[in-house]
Amino acid sequence: MPTKKKRVGFIPRDDVMKIIDKLSLENNLSNSKIISILVEEALDKRGIFNKKTGETTNLKKSDTDNFDSETYKKFLTFLKFQKMMDDYNN
């Protein structure tokens, strides 16, 4: 039976996959369900989605641009940190 939900491909890093597998076993849930829960929690934390009500926040175009810019800056910082950690561990 076809579903109206879209599938999203996700290829996590090895260490992230280990965490997902552990959460999956501990909670007796599929990896897909764990990832779905984690995404909802992340969106809720950012104020984009309310987990309790299922409502999304109406972001203005300027808010979206600012969010994307801030997210990108944080991502670049994370990549620098990850490189530092890799260098430290090697």
PDB file of N, CA and C in Angstrom:
ATOM      1  N   MET A   1       0.847  -1.182   0.000  1.00  0.00           N
ATOM      2  CA  MET A   1       0.000   0.000   0.000  1.00  0.00           C
ATOM      3  C   MET A   1       0.891   1.244   0.000  1.00  0.00           C
ATOM      4  N   PRO A   2       0.714   2.128  -0.953  1.00  0.00           N
ATOM      5  CA  PRO A   2       1.561   3.325  -1.029  1.00  0.00           C
ATOM      6  C   PRO A   2       1.334   4.260   0.154  1.00  0.00           C
ATOM      7  N   THR A   3       2.386   4.961   0.510  1.00  0.00           N
ATOM      8  CA  THR A   3       2.293   5.918   1.615  1.00  0.00           C
ATOM      9  C   THR A   3       2.504   7.323   1.081  1.00  0.00           C
ATOM     10  N   LYS A   4       1.917   8.309   1.754  1.00  0.00           N
ATOM     11  CA  LYS A   4       2.077   9.696   1.349  1.00  0.00           C
ATOM     12  C   LYS A   4       3.344  10.303   1.924  1.00  0.00           C
ATOM     13  N   LYS A   5       3.974   9.600   2.860  1.00  0.00           N
ATOM     14  CA  LYS A   5       5.203  10.091   3.470  1.00  0.00           C
ATOM     15  C   LYS A   5       6.360   9.899   2.517  1.00  0.00           C
ATOM     16  N   LYS A   6       7.266  10.873   2.514  1.00  0.00           N
ATOM     17  CA  LYS A   6       8.458  10.783   1.681  1.00  0.00           C
ATOM     18  C   LYS A   6       9.584  10.150   2.474  1.00  0.00           C
ATOM     19  N   ARG A   7      10.380   9.356   1.793  1.00  0.00           N
ATOM     20  CA  ARG A   7      11.560   8.758   2.418  1.00  0.00           C
ATOM     21  C   ARG A   7      12.717   9.732   2.315  1.00  0.00           C
ATOM     22  N   VAL A   8      13.536   9.734   3.342  1.00  0.00           N
ATOM     23  CA  VAL A   8      14.712  10.595   3.369  1.00  0.00           C
ATOM     24  C   VAL A   8      15.926   9.707   3.596  1.00  0.00           C
ATOM     25  N   GLY A   9      16.920   9.839   2.733  1.00  0.00           N
ATOM     26  CA  GLY A   9      18.146   9.069   2.902  1.00  0.00           C
ATOM     27  C   GLY A   9      19.047   9.741   3.923  1.00  0.00           C
ATOM     28  N   PHE A  10      19.664   8.947   4.757  1.00  0.00           N
ATOM     29  CA  PHE A  10      20.549   9.475   5.794  1.00  0.00           C
ATOM     30  C   PHE A  10      21.687   8.503   5.989  1.00  0.00           C
ATOM     31  N   ILE A  11      22.898   8.969   5.770  1.00  0.00           N
ATOM     32  CA  ILE A  11      24.071   8.129   5.964  1.00  0.00           C
ATOM     33  C   ILE A  11      24.906   8.764   7.070  1.00  0.00           C
ATOM     34  N   PRO A  12      24.729   8.263   8.295  1.00  0.00           N
ATOM     35  CA  PRO A  12      25.453   8.857   9.424  1.00  0.00           C
ATOM     36  C   PRO A  12      26.903   8.403   9.486  1.00  0.00           C
ATOM     37  N   ARG A  13      27.691   9.178  10.208  1.00  0.00           N
ATOM     38  CA  ARG A  13      29.061   8.761  10.488  1.00  0.00           C
ATOM     39  C   ARG A  13      29.007   7.503  11.340  1.00  0.00           C
ATOM     40  N   ASP A  14      30.113   6.768  11.364  1.00  0.00           N
ATOM     41  CA  ASP A  14      30.159   5.508  12.117  1.00  0.00           C
ATOM     42  C   ASP A  14      29.826   5.697  13.596  1.00  0.00           C
ATOM     43  N   ASP A  15      30.396   6.736  14.229  1.00  0.00           N
ATOM     44  CA  ASP A  15      30.143   6.938  15.656  1.00  0.00           C
ATOM     45  C   ASP A  15      28.692   7.308  15.925  1.00  0.00           C
ATOM     46  N   VAL A  16      28.082   8.051  15.008  1.00  0.00           N
ATOM     47  CA  VAL A  16      26.665   8.409  15.155  1.00  0.00           C
ATOM     48  C   VAL A  16      25.803   7.162  14.968  1.00  0.00           C
ATOM     49  N   MET A  17      26.164   6.315  14.013  1.00  0.00           N
ATOM     50  CA  MET A  17      25.410   5.085  13.778  1.00  0.00           C
ATOM     51  C   MET A  17      25.460   4.165  14.987  1.00  0.00           C
ATOM     52  N   LYS A  18      26.590   4.130  15.674  1.00  0.00           N
ATOM     53  CA  LYS A  18      26.697   3.321  16.892  1.00  0.00           C
ATOM     54  C   LYS A  18      25.731   3.813  17.959  1.00  0.00           C
ATOM     55  N   ILE A  19      25.600   5.131  18.080  1.00  0.00           N
ATOM     56  CA  ILE A  19      24.665   5.711  19.051  1.00  0.00           C
ATOM     57  C   ILE A  19      23.231   5.364  18.668  1.00  0.00           C
ATOM     58  N   ILE A  20      22.913   5.490  17.383  1.00  0.00           N
ATOM     59  CA  ILE A  20      21.564   5.175  16.904  1.00  0.00           C
ATOM     60  C   ILE A  20      21.249   3.705  17.157  1.00  0.00           C
ATOM     61  N   ASP A  21      22.210   2.822  16.859  1.00  0.00           N
ATOM     62  CA  ASP A  21      22.006   1.387  17.108  1.00  0.00           C
ATOM     63  C   ASP A  21      21.767   1.112  18.588  1.00  0.00           C
ATOM     64  N   LYS A  22      22.556   1.763  19.446  1.00  0.00           N
ATOM     65  CA  LYS A  22      22.408   1.564  20.888  1.00  0.00           C
ATOM     66  C   LYS A  22      21.026   2.030  21.362  1.00  0.00           C
ATOM     67  N   LEU A  23      20.615   3.222  20.920  1.00  0.00           N
ATOM     68  CA  LEU A  23      19.295   3.736  21.295  1.00  0.00           C
ATOM     69  C   LEU A  23      18.188   2.819  20.778  1.00  0.00           C
ATOM     70  N   SER A  24      18.381   2.302  19.583  1.00  0.00           N
ATOM     71  CA  SER A  24      17.399   1.403  18.984  1.00  0.00           C
ATOM     72  C   SER A  24      17.219   0.142  19.824  1.00  0.00           C
ATOM     73  N   LEU A  25      18.333  -0.456  20.232  1.00  0.00           N
ATOM     74  CA  LEU A  25      18.259  -1.667  21.055  1.00  0.00           C
ATOM     75  C   LEU A  25      17.672  -1.385  22.437  1.00  0.00           C
ATOM     76  N   GLU A  26      18.122  -0.297  23.062  1.00  0.00           N
ATOM     77  CA  GLU A  26      17.654   0.038  24.416  1.00  0.00           C
ATOM     78  C   GLU A  26      16.160   0.328  24.469  1.00  0.00           C
ATOM     79  N   ASN A  27      15.642   0.914  23.384  1.00  0.00           N
ATOM     80  CA  ASN A  27      14.239   1.328  23.371  1.00  0.00           C
ATOM     81  C   ASN A  27      13.343   0.409  22.556  1.00  0.00           C
ATOM     82  N   ASN A  28      13.939  -0.657  22.002  1.00  0.00           N
ATOM     83  CA  ASN A  28      13.191  -1.601  21.179  1.00  0.00           C
ATOM     84  C   ASN A  28      12.442  -0.895  20.045  1.00  0.00           C
ATOM     85  N   LEU A  29      13.139   0.014  19.372  1.00  0.00           N
ATOM     86  CA  LEU A  29      12.585   0.751  18.245  1.00  0.00           C
ATOM     87  C   LEU A  29      13.508   0.608  17.043  1.00  0.00           C
ATOM     88  N   SER A  30      12.964   0.791  15.853  1.00  0.00           N
ATOM     89  CA  SER A  30      13.786   0.710  14.651  1.00  0.00           C
ATOM     90  C   SER A  30      14.714   1.921  14.557  1.00  0.00           C
ATOM     91  N   ASN A  31      15.776   1.768  13.785  1.00  0.00           N
ATOM     92  CA  ASN A  31      16.679   2.892  13.563  1.00  0.00           C
ATOM     93  C   ASN A  31      15.931   4.077  12.950  1.00  0.00           C
ATOM     94  N   SER A  32      15.014   3.797  12.028  1.00  0.00           N
ATOM     95  CA  SER A  32      14.233   4.869  11.395  1.00  0.00           C
ATOM     96  C   SER A  32      13.431   5.657  12.427  1.00  0.00           C
ATOM     97  N   LYS A  33      12.817   4.944  13.365  1.00  0.00           N
ATOM     98  CA  LYS A  33      12.018   5.614  14.400  1.00  0.00           C
ATOM     99  C   LYS A  33      12.917   6.447  15.302  1.00  0.00           C
ATOM    100  N   ILE A  34      14.089   5.921  15.672  1.00  0.00           N
ATOM    101  CA  ILE A  34      15.028   6.674  16.507  1.00  0.00           C
ATOM    102  C   ILE A  34      15.457   7.946  15.786  1.00  0.00           C
ATOM    103  N   ILE A  35      15.799   7.833  14.503  1.00  0.00           N
ATOM    104  CA  ILE A  35      16.223   9.004  13.731  1.00  0.00           C
ATOM    105  C   ILE A  35      15.086  10.011  13.638  1.00  0.00           C
ATOM    106  N   SER A  36      13.867   9.533  13.433  1.00  0.00           N
ATOM    107  CA  SER A  36      12.707  10.419  13.367  1.00  0.00           C
ATOM    108  C   SER A  36      12.535  11.198  14.678  1.00  0.00           C
ATOM    109  N   ILE A  37      12.676  10.508  15.795  1.00  0.00           N
ATOM    110  CA  ILE A  37      12.551  11.142  17.111  1.00  0.00           C
ATOM    111  C   ILE A  37      13.651  12.184  17.301  1.00  0.00           C
ATOM    112  N   LEU A  38      14.876  11.829  16.928  1.00  0.00           N
ATOM    113  CA  LEU A  38      15.995  12.756  17.092  1.00  0.00           C
ATOM    114  C   LEU A  38      15.831  14.009  16.228  1.00  0.00           C
ATOM    115  N   VAL A  39      15.328  13.841  15.012  1.00  0.00           N
ATOM    116  CA  VAL A  39      15.098  14.998  14.134  1.00  0.00           C
ATOM    117  C   VAL A  39      14.020  15.899  14.722  1.00  0.00           C
ATOM    118  N   GLU A  40      12.924  15.309  15.196  1.00  0.00           N
ATOM    119  CA  GLU A  40      11.857  16.106  15.808  1.00  0.00           C
ATOM    120  C   GLU A  40      12.367  16.861  17.028  1.00  0.00           C
ATOM    121  N   GLU A  41      13.179  16.200  17.854  1.00  0.00           N
ATOM    122  CA  GLU A  41      13.740  16.862  19.033  1.00  0.00           C
ATOM    123  C   GLU A  41      14.645  18.020  18.636  1.00  0.00           C
ATOM    124  N   ALA A  42      15.449  17.827  17.592  1.00  0.00           N
ATOM    125  CA  ALA A  42      16.344  18.897  17.128  1.00  0.00           C
ATOM    126  C   ALA A  42      15.546  20.090  16.604  1.00  0.00           C
ATOM    127  N   LEU A  43      14.496  19.829  15.840  1.00  0.00           N
ATOM    128  CA  LEU A  43      13.658  20.912  15.313  1.00  0.00           C
ATOM    129  C   LEU A  43      12.916  21.622  16.433  1.00  0.00           C
ATOM    130  N   ASP A  44      12.462  20.859  17.420  1.00  0.00           N
ATOM    131  CA  ASP A  44      11.785  21.445  18.579  1.00  0.00           C
ATOM    132  C   ASP A  44      12.750  22.352  19.349  1.00  0.00           C
ATOM    133  N   LYS A  45      13.954  21.871  19.549  1.00  0.00           N
ATOM    134  CA  LYS A  45      14.973  22.642  20.277  1.00  0.00           C
ATOM    135  C   LYS A  45      15.282  23.962  19.569  1.00  0.00           C
ATOM    136  N   ARG A  46      15.255  23.950  18.236  1.00  0.00           N
ATOM    137  CA  ARG A  46      15.536  25.162  17.457  1.00  0.00           C
ATOM    138  C   ARG A  46      14.317  26.069  17.323  1.00  0.00           C
ATOM    139  N   GLY A  47      13.174  25.609  17.834  1.00  0.00           N
ATOM    140  CA  GLY A  47      11.978  26.443  17.785  1.00  0.00           C
ATOM    141  C   GLY A  47      11.273  26.418  16.441  1.00  0.00           C
ATOM    142  N   ILE A  48      11.550  25.409  15.622  1.00  0.00           N
ATOM    143  CA  ILE A  48      10.951  25.320  14.295  1.00  0.00           C
ATOM    144  C   ILE A  48       9.708  24.437  14.306  1.00  0.00           C
ATOM    145  N   PHE A  49       9.686  23.474  15.225  1.00  0.00           N
ATOM    146  CA  PHE A  49       8.615  22.496  15.291  1.00  0.00           C
ATOM    147  C   PHE A  49       8.291  22.237  16.753  1.00  0.00           C
ATOM    148  N   ASN A  50       7.006  22.198  17.080  1.00  0.00           N
ATOM    149  CA  ASN A  50       6.581  21.904  18.447  1.00  0.00           C
ATOM    150  C   ASN A  50       6.190  20.432  18.517  1.00  0.00           C
ATOM    151  N   LYS A  51       6.991  19.634  19.230  1.00  0.00           N
ATOM    152  CA  LYS A  51       6.733  18.195  19.332  1.00  0.00           C
ATOM    153  C   LYS A  51       5.381  17.893  19.956  1.00  0.00           C
ATOM    154  N   LYS A  52       4.993  18.675  20.934  1.00  0.00           N
ATOM    155  CA  LYS A  52       3.762  18.392  21.676  1.00  0.00           C
ATOM    156  C   LYS A  52       2.515  18.654  20.835  1.00  0.00           C
ATOM    157  N   THR A  53       2.532  19.738  20.052  1.00  0.00           N
ATOM    158  CA  THR A  53       1.356  20.102  19.264  1.00  0.00           C
ATOM    159  C   THR A  53       1.453  19.655  17.815  1.00  0.00           C
ATOM    160  N   GLY A  54       2.661  19.369  17.337  1.00  0.00           N
ATOM    161  CA  GLY A  54       2.860  18.992  15.938  1.00  0.00           C
ATOM    162  C   GLY A  54       2.813  20.184  14.996  1.00  0.00           C
ATOM    163  N   GLU A  55       2.845  21.386  15.565  1.00  0.00           N
ATOM    164  CA  GLU A  55       2.763  22.591  14.740  1.00  0.00           C
ATOM    165  C   GLU A  55       4.155  23.082  14.360  1.00  0.00           C
ATOM    166  N   THR A  56       4.245  23.647  13.166  1.00  0.00           N
ATOM    167  CA  THR A  56       5.496  24.254  12.726  1.00  0.00           C
ATOM    168  C   THR A  56       5.419  25.756  12.919  1.00  0.00           C
ATOM    169  N   THR A  57       6.570  26.357  13.116  1.00  0.00           N
ATOM    170  CA  THR A  57       6.641  27.800  13.274  1.00  0.00           C
ATOM    171  C   THR A  57       6.673  28.437  11.901  1.00  0.00           C
ATOM    172  N   ASN A  58       5.909  29.477  11.727  1.00  0.00           N
ATOM    173  CA  ASN A  58       5.944  30.201  10.463  1.00  0.00           C
ATOM    174  C   ASN A  58       7.150  31.124  10.456  1.00  0.00           C
ATOM    175  N   LEU A  59       8.162  30.730   9.709  1.00  0.00           N
ATOM    176  CA  LEU A  59       9.366  31.537   9.611  1.00  0.00           C
ATOM    177  C   LEU A  59       9.229  32.523   8.463  1.00  0.00           C
ATOM    178  N   LYS A  60       9.569  33.755   8.716  1.00  0.00           N
ATOM    179  CA  LYS A  60       9.614  34.749   7.654  1.00  0.00           C
ATOM    180  C   LYS A  60      10.852  34.478   6.813  1.00  0.00           C
ATOM    181  N   LYS A  61      10.861  34.979   5.599  1.00  0.00           N
ATOM    182  CA  LYS A  61      12.005  34.772   4.707  1.00  0.00           C
ATOM    183  C   LYS A  61      13.285  35.252   5.371  1.00  0.00           C
ATOM    184  N   SER A  62      13.256  36.410   6.025  1.00  0.00           N
ATOM    185  CA  SER A  62      14.460  36.929   6.666  1.00  0.00           C
ATOM    186  C   SER A  62      14.900  36.024   7.810  1.00  0.00           C
ATOM    187  N   ASP A  63      13.930  35.447   8.541  1.00  0.00           N
ATOM    188  CA  ASP A  63      14.256  34.513   9.617  1.00  0.00           C
ATOM    189  C   ASP A  63      14.917  33.261   9.053  1.00  0.00           C
ATOM    190  N   THR A  64      14.382  32.789   7.911  1.00  0.00           N
ATOM    191  CA  THR A  64      14.938  31.590   7.283  1.00  0.00           C
ATOM    192  C   THR A  64      16.359  31.851   6.823  1.00  0.00           C
ATOM    193  N   ASP A  65      16.596  33.004   6.199  1.00  0.00           N
ATOM    194  CA  ASP A  65      17.940  33.342   5.744  1.00  0.00           C
ATOM    195  C   ASP A  65      18.893  33.422   6.923  1.00  0.00           C
ATOM    196  N   ASN A  66      18.463  34.051   8.006  1.00  0.00           N
ATOM    197  CA  ASN A  66      19.291  34.167   9.195  1.00  0.00           C
ATOM    198  C   ASN A  66      19.554  32.796   9.804  1.00  0.00           C
ATOM    199  N   PHE A  67      18.529  31.971   9.862  1.00  0.00           N
ATOM    200  CA  PHE A  67      18.682  30.619  10.400  1.00  0.00           C
ATOM    201  C   PHE A  67      19.698  29.838   9.575  1.00  0.00           C
ATOM    202  N   ASP A  68      19.557  29.885   8.262  1.00  0.00           N
ATOM    203  CA  ASP A  68      20.483  29.159   7.399  1.00  0.00           C
ATOM    204  C   ASP A  68      21.906  29.667   7.575  1.00  0.00           C
ATOM    205  N   SER A  69      22.062  30.965   7.695  1.00  0.00           N
ATOM    206  CA  SER A  69      23.383  31.549   7.883  1.00  0.00           C
ATOM    207  C   SER A  69      23.981  31.118   9.210  1.00  0.00           C
ATOM    208  N   GLU A  70      23.190  31.171  10.264  1.00  0.00           N
ATOM    209  CA  GLU A  70      23.662  30.768  11.586  1.00  0.00           C
ATOM    210  C   GLU A  70      23.982  29.272  11.620  1.00  0.00           C
ATOM    211  N   THR A  71      23.134  28.479  11.012  1.00  0.00           N
ATOM    212  CA  THR A  71      23.370  27.035  10.968  1.00  0.00           C
ATOM    213  C   THR A  71      24.660  26.737  10.220  1.00  0.00           C
ATOM    214  N   TYR A  72      24.880  27.417   9.106  1.00  0.00           N
ATOM    215  CA  TYR A  72      26.088  27.212   8.318  1.00  0.00           C
ATOM    216  C   TYR A  72      27.333  27.591   9.120  1.00  0.00           C
ATOM    217  N   LYS A  73      27.266  28.706   9.844  1.00  0.00           N
ATOM    218  CA  LYS A  73      28.400  29.125  10.670  1.00  0.00           C
ATOM    219  C   LYS A  73      28.702  28.076  11.745  1.00  0.00           C
ATOM    220  N   LYS A  74      27.654  27.564  12.371  1.00  0.00           N
ATOM    221  CA  LYS A  74      27.833  26.540  13.396  1.00  0.00           C
ATOM    222  C   LYS A  74      28.414  25.262  12.792  1.00  0.00           C
ATOM    223  N   PHE A  75      27.956  24.937  11.587  1.00  0.00           N
ATOM    224  CA  PHE A  75      28.463  23.751  10.912  1.00  0.00           C
ATOM    225  C   PHE A  75      29.954  23.889  10.616  1.00  0.00           C
ATOM    226  N   LEU A  76      30.374  25.062  10.132  1.00  0.00           N
ATOM    227  CA  LEU A  76      31.793  25.296   9.861  1.00  0.00           C
ATOM    228  C   LEU A  76      32.622  25.197  11.138  1.00  0.00           C
ATOM    229  N   THR A  77      32.094  25.733  12.222  1.00  0.00           N
ATOM    230  CA  THR A  77      32.779  25.631  13.510  1.00  0.00           C
ATOM    231  C   THR A  77      32.909  24.181  13.927  1.00  0.00           C
ATOM    232  N   PHE A  78      31.840  23.416  13.727  1.00  0.00           N
ATOM    233  CA  PHE A  78      31.870  21.996  14.060  1.00  0.00           C
ATOM    234  C   PHE A  78      32.930  21.266  13.235  1.00  0.00           C
ATOM    235  N   LEU A  79      32.997  21.565  11.933  1.00  0.00           N
ATOM    236  CA  LEU A  79      33.984  20.909  11.083  1.00  0.00           C
ATOM    237  C   LEU A  79      35.408  21.221  11.543  1.00  0.00           C
ATOM    238  N   LYS A  80      35.642  22.462  11.939  1.00  0.00           N
ATOM    239  CA  LYS A  80      36.964  22.830  12.447  1.00  0.00           C
ATOM    240  C   LYS A  80      37.278  22.053  13.724  1.00  0.00           C
ATOM    241  N   PHE A  81      36.290  21.958  14.599  1.00  0.00           N
ATOM    242  CA  PHE A  81      36.468  21.217  15.841  1.00  0.00           C
ATOM    243  C   PHE A  81      36.737  19.736  15.552  1.00  0.00           C
ATOM    244  N   GLN A  82      35.972  19.177  14.634  1.00  0.00           N
ATOM    245  CA  GLN A  82      36.152  17.772  14.281  1.00  0.00           C
ATOM    246  C   GLN A  82      37.559  17.536  13.721  1.00  0.00           C
ATOM    247  N   LYS A  83      38.049  18.436  12.896  1.00  0.00           N
ATOM    248  CA  LYS A  83      39.408  18.318  12.342  1.00  0.00           C
ATOM    249  C   LYS A  83      40.442  18.371  13.463  1.00  0.00           C
ATOM    250  N   MET A  84      40.242  19.289  14.419  1.00  0.00           N
ATOM    251  CA  MET A  84      41.144  19.380  15.545  1.00  0.00           C
ATOM    252  C   MET A  84      41.171  18.082  16.347  1.00  0.00           C
ATOM    253  N   MET A  85      40.002  17.504  16.564  1.00  0.00           N
ATOM    254  CA  MET A  85      39.920  16.264  17.324  1.00  0.00           C
ATOM    255  C   MET A  85      40.577  15.114  16.571  1.00  0.00           C
ATOM    256  N   ASP A  86      40.363  15.065  15.259  1.00  0.00           N
ATOM    257  CA  ASP A  86      41.000  14.030  14.437  1.00  0.00           C
ATOM    258  C   ASP A  86      42.509  14.164  14.488  1.00  0.00           C
ATOM    259  N   ASP A  87      43.009  15.408  14.377  1.00  0.00           N
ATOM    260  CA  ASP A  87      44.449  15.653  14.454  1.00  0.00           C
ATOM    261  C   ASP A  87      44.995  15.247  15.817  1.00  0.00           C
ATOM    262  N   TYR A  88      44.246  15.550  16.855  1.00  0.00           N
ATOM    263  CA  TYR A  88      44.664  15.226  18.224  1.00  0.00           C
ATOM    264  C   TYR A  88      44.723  13.706  18.430  1.00  0.00           C
ATOM    265  N   ASN A  89      43.733  13.002  17.906  1.00  0.00           N
ATOM    266  CA  ASN A  89      43.667  11.549  18.089  1.00  0.00           C
ATOM    267  C   ASN A  89      44.670  10.798  17.222  1.00  0.00           C
ATOM    268  N   ASN A  90      45.177  11.446  16.197  1.00  0.00           N
ATOM    269  CA  ASN A  90      46.157  10.774  15.307  1.00  0.00           C
ATOM    270  C   ASN A  90      47.500  11.244  15.647  1.00  0.00           C
TER     271      ASN A  90
END
